[in-house]
């Protein structure tokens, strides 16, 4: 998967849905890495609004007009992140931080990953100030309550959220 001269990282997450905060981190990560694997995590213990395929599609669409889109690989994985990274031949994980609570969680995950595989390093990047309060759960809750989330998520995601909410309301 990897050319020896390429720097590649994995940016894992649920991306349910991808937000402009995620987009910001990916775009900034492209200043550091030649390629970024945006890896949608499959977590059977977590109830997601969107299927894995829907999330992957939204991510690809969000970058479709980006001149660097060929440097972004959208994939999914289940199981351990370190196993996925090992299978891809990637040794760097990119993670975003918003608040101290993010740091505590990410700190624990980083050391667990290092315990499982000493060859995997994690790089933390602070989210852009304008995205400090944005997270997927808050976006979903706001949208479900009828709020407009335009500007917080890519336009294609805003449309998919509205479509998903309409279909959920029809079922009830």
Protein backbone atom coordinates (compact mmCIF):
# COMPACT_ATOMS: atom_id res chain seq x y z
CA UNK A 1 0.00 0.00 0.00
CA UNK A 2 2.81 2.38 0.86
CA UNK A 3 5.65 3.69 -1.28
CA UNK A 4 8.78 3.92 0.91
CA UNK A 5 9.07 7.65 0.20
CA UNK A 6 5.48 8.45 1.18
CA UNK A 7 4.41 9.58 4.61
CA UNK A 8 1.01 8.18 5.46
CA UNK A 9 -1.15 8.41 8.56
CA UNK A 10 -4.46 6.96 9.63
CA UNK A 11 -7.16 9.29 10.88
CA UNK A 12 -9.64 6.94 12.58
CA UNK A 13 -13.08 7.79 13.87
CA UNK A 14 -16.74 6.98 13.72
CA UNK A 15 -17.45 10.02 11.49
CA UNK A 16 -21.18 9.65 12.21
CA UNK A 17 -21.31 12.09 10.45
CA UNK A 18 -18.11 13.82 9.35
CA UNK A 19 -18.04 17.46 10.49
CA UNK A 20 -16.20 20.56 9.34
CA UNK A 21 -13.92 20.04 12.34
CA UNK A 22 -12.89 16.65 10.90
CA UNK A 23 -12.45 18.23 7.47
CA UNK A 24 -10.23 20.92 8.98
CA UNK A 25 -7.98 18.32 10.63
CA UNK A 26 -7.68 16.28 7.44
CA UNK A 27 -6.80 19.34 5.37
CA UNK A 28 -4.21 20.47 7.92
CA UNK A 29 -2.87 16.92 8.15
CA UNK A 30 -2.19 17.04 4.41
CA UNK A 31 0.46 19.70 5.14
CA UNK A 32 2.33 17.02 7.10
CA UNK A 33 1.51 13.75 5.33
CA UNK A 34 1.52 12.72 1.68
CA UNK A 35 -1.60 10.60 2.20
CA UNK A 36 -4.22 10.27 4.89
CA UNK A 37 -6.32 7.17 5.37
CA UNK A 38 -9.64 8.29 6.81
CA UNK A 39 -10.67 5.07 8.52
CA UNK A 40 -14.29 4.70 9.58
CA UNK A 41 -14.35 2.55 12.70
CA UNK A 42 -16.97 -0.16 12.91
CA UNK A 43 -18.02 -0.39 16.54
CA UNK A 44 -20.77 -2.94 17.18
CA UNK A 45 -21.31 -1.48 20.67
CA UNK A 46 -22.16 1.96 19.27
CA UNK A 47 -25.49 2.81 17.64
CA UNK A 48 -24.82 4.87 14.51
CA UNK A 49 -27.21 7.05 12.58
CA UNK A 50 -25.49 6.26 9.28
CA UNK A 51 -24.22 2.96 7.93
CA UNK A 52 -20.51 2.51 7.37
CA UNK A 53 -21.03 2.78 3.60
CA UNK A 54 -23.07 5.98 4.00
CA UNK A 55 -20.32 7.50 6.17
CA UNK A 56 -17.60 6.52 3.69
CA UNK A 57 -19.64 7.96 0.83
CA UNK A 58 -20.22 11.26 2.69
CA UNK A 59 -16.48 11.58 3.36
CA UNK A 60 -15.61 10.93 -0.28
CA UNK A 61 -18.23 13.42 -1.45
CA UNK A 62 -17.01 16.04 1.03
CA UNK A 63 -13.58 15.95 -0.63
CA UNK A 64 -14.72 15.47 -4.23
CA UNK A 65 -13.94 19.08 -5.19
CA UNK A 66 -10.69 19.22 -3.24
CA UNK A 67 -7.57 19.29 -5.44
CA UNK A 68 -5.88 16.96 -2.92
CA UNK A 69 -8.68 14.38 -2.94
CA UNK A 70 -6.39 11.74 -4.50
CA UNK A 71 -4.28 11.95 -1.33
CA UNK A 72 -7.23 10.93 0.84
CA UNK A 73 -8.05 7.24 1.10
CA UNK A 74 -11.42 6.46 2.66
CA UNK A 75 -11.65 3.02 4.25
CA UNK A 76 -13.26 1.23 7.17
CA UNK A 77 -12.08 -1.24 9.77
CA UNK A 78 -13.31 -3.30 12.66
CA UNK A 79 -11.28 -4.65 15.50
CA UNK A 80 -8.14 -3.07 16.84
CA UNK A 81 -6.72 0.08 15.27
CA UNK A 82 -3.18 -1.25 15.74
CA UNK A 83 -4.04 -4.38 13.73
CA UNK A 84 -5.52 -2.25 10.97
CA UNK A 85 -2.45 0.01 10.95
CA UNK A 86 -0.12 -2.99 10.90
CA UNK A 87 -2.03 -4.50 7.96
CA UNK A 88 -1.75 -1.19 6.07
CA UNK A 89 1.94 -0.76 6.90
CA UNK A 90 1.22 2.59 8.57
CA UNK A 91 2.91 3.66 11.80
CA UNK A 92 1.28 7.03 12.53
CA UNK A 93 -2.20 7.79 13.82
CA UNK A 94 -3.59 11.32 13.60
CA UNK A 95 -6.04 12.38 16.30
CA UNK A 96 -7.79 15.67 16.95
CA UNK A 97 -8.17 17.33 20.34
CA UNK A 98 -10.80 19.85 21.38
CA UNK A 99 -10.83 19.90 25.18
CA UNK A 100 -9.17 18.35 28.20
CA UNK A 101 -11.74 15.55 28.19
CA UNK A 102 -10.59 14.64 24.66
CA UNK A 103 -7.01 14.62 25.89
CA UNK A 104 -7.74 12.22 28.75
CA UNK A 105 -9.51 9.75 26.47
CA UNK A 106 -6.92 10.05 23.69
CA UNK A 107 -4.07 9.76 26.20
CA UNK A 108 -5.48 6.42 27.41
CA UNK A 109 -6.03 5.14 23.87
CA UNK A 110 -2.54 6.18 22.78
CA UNK A 111 -0.87 4.30 25.60
CA UNK A 112 -3.04 1.25 25.04
CA UNK A 113 -2.09 1.28 21.36
CA UNK A 114 1.60 1.69 22.28
CA UNK A 115 1.30 -1.26 24.67
CA UNK A 116 -0.19 -3.37 21.88
CA UNK A 117 2.27 -2.21 19.20
CA UNK A 118 5.36 -0.13 20.00
CA UNK A 119 5.81 0.82 16.34
CA UNK A 120 2.62 2.92 16.24
CA UNK A 121 2.88 6.59 17.18
CA UNK A 122 0.07 9.09 17.60
CA UNK A 123 0.19 12.72 16.55
CA UNK A 124 -2.29 15.06 18.17
CA UNK A 125 -3.54 18.16 16.42
CA UNK A 126 -5.66 20.80 18.11
CA UNK A 127 -8.89 21.50 16.35
CA UNK A 128 -9.33 24.88 14.74
CA UNK A 129 -10.81 27.41 17.18
CA UNK A 130 -14.03 27.78 15.17
CA UNK A 131 -14.63 24.00 15.42
CA UNK A 132 -13.82 23.67 19.11
CA UNK A 133 -17.45 22.96 20.09
CA UNK A 134 -18.36 20.82 17.06
CA UNK A 135 -18.77 17.07 17.41
CA UNK A 136 -20.86 14.50 15.60
CA UNK A 137 -23.18 13.81 18.53
CA UNK A 138 -23.98 17.50 19.03
CA UNK A 139 -24.60 17.86 15.30
CA UNK A 140 -27.01 14.90 15.27
CA UNK A 141 -28.86 16.13 18.36
CA UNK A 142 -29.23 19.63 16.96
CA UNK A 143 -30.41 18.35 13.58
CA UNK A 144 -32.88 15.93 15.20
CA UNK A 145 -34.28 18.87 17.19
CA UNK A 146 -34.85 20.82 13.98
CA UNK A 147 -31.81 23.12 14.12
CA UNK A 148 -29.96 24.10 10.98
CA UNK A 149 -26.43 22.62 11.05
CA UNK A 150 -25.36 24.22 7.79
CA UNK A 151 -21.82 25.51 8.10
CA UNK A 152 -20.94 22.92 10.76
CA UNK A 153 -20.87 20.00 8.33
CA UNK A 154 -20.16 19.81 4.60
CA UNK A 155 -23.20 20.63 2.44
CA UNK A 156 -23.58 17.01 1.29
CA UNK A 157 -23.67 15.87 4.93
CA UNK A 158 -26.27 18.52 5.79
CA UNK A 159 -28.46 17.16 2.99
CA UNK A 160 -27.95 13.53 4.11
CA UNK A 161 -28.79 14.44 7.71
CA UNK A 162 -32.06 16.03 6.67
CA UNK A 163 -32.86 13.05 4.46
CA UNK A 164 -32.09 10.59 7.29
CA UNK A 165 -34.17 12.56 9.78
CA UNK A 166 -37.14 12.62 7.38
CA UNK A 167 -36.90 8.85 6.94
CA UNK A 168 -36.67 8.31 10.72
CA UNK A 169 -39.75 10.47 11.30
CA UNK A 170 -41.71 8.48 8.69
CA UNK A 171 -40.98 5.27 10.63
CA UNK A 172 -42.51 6.64 13.84
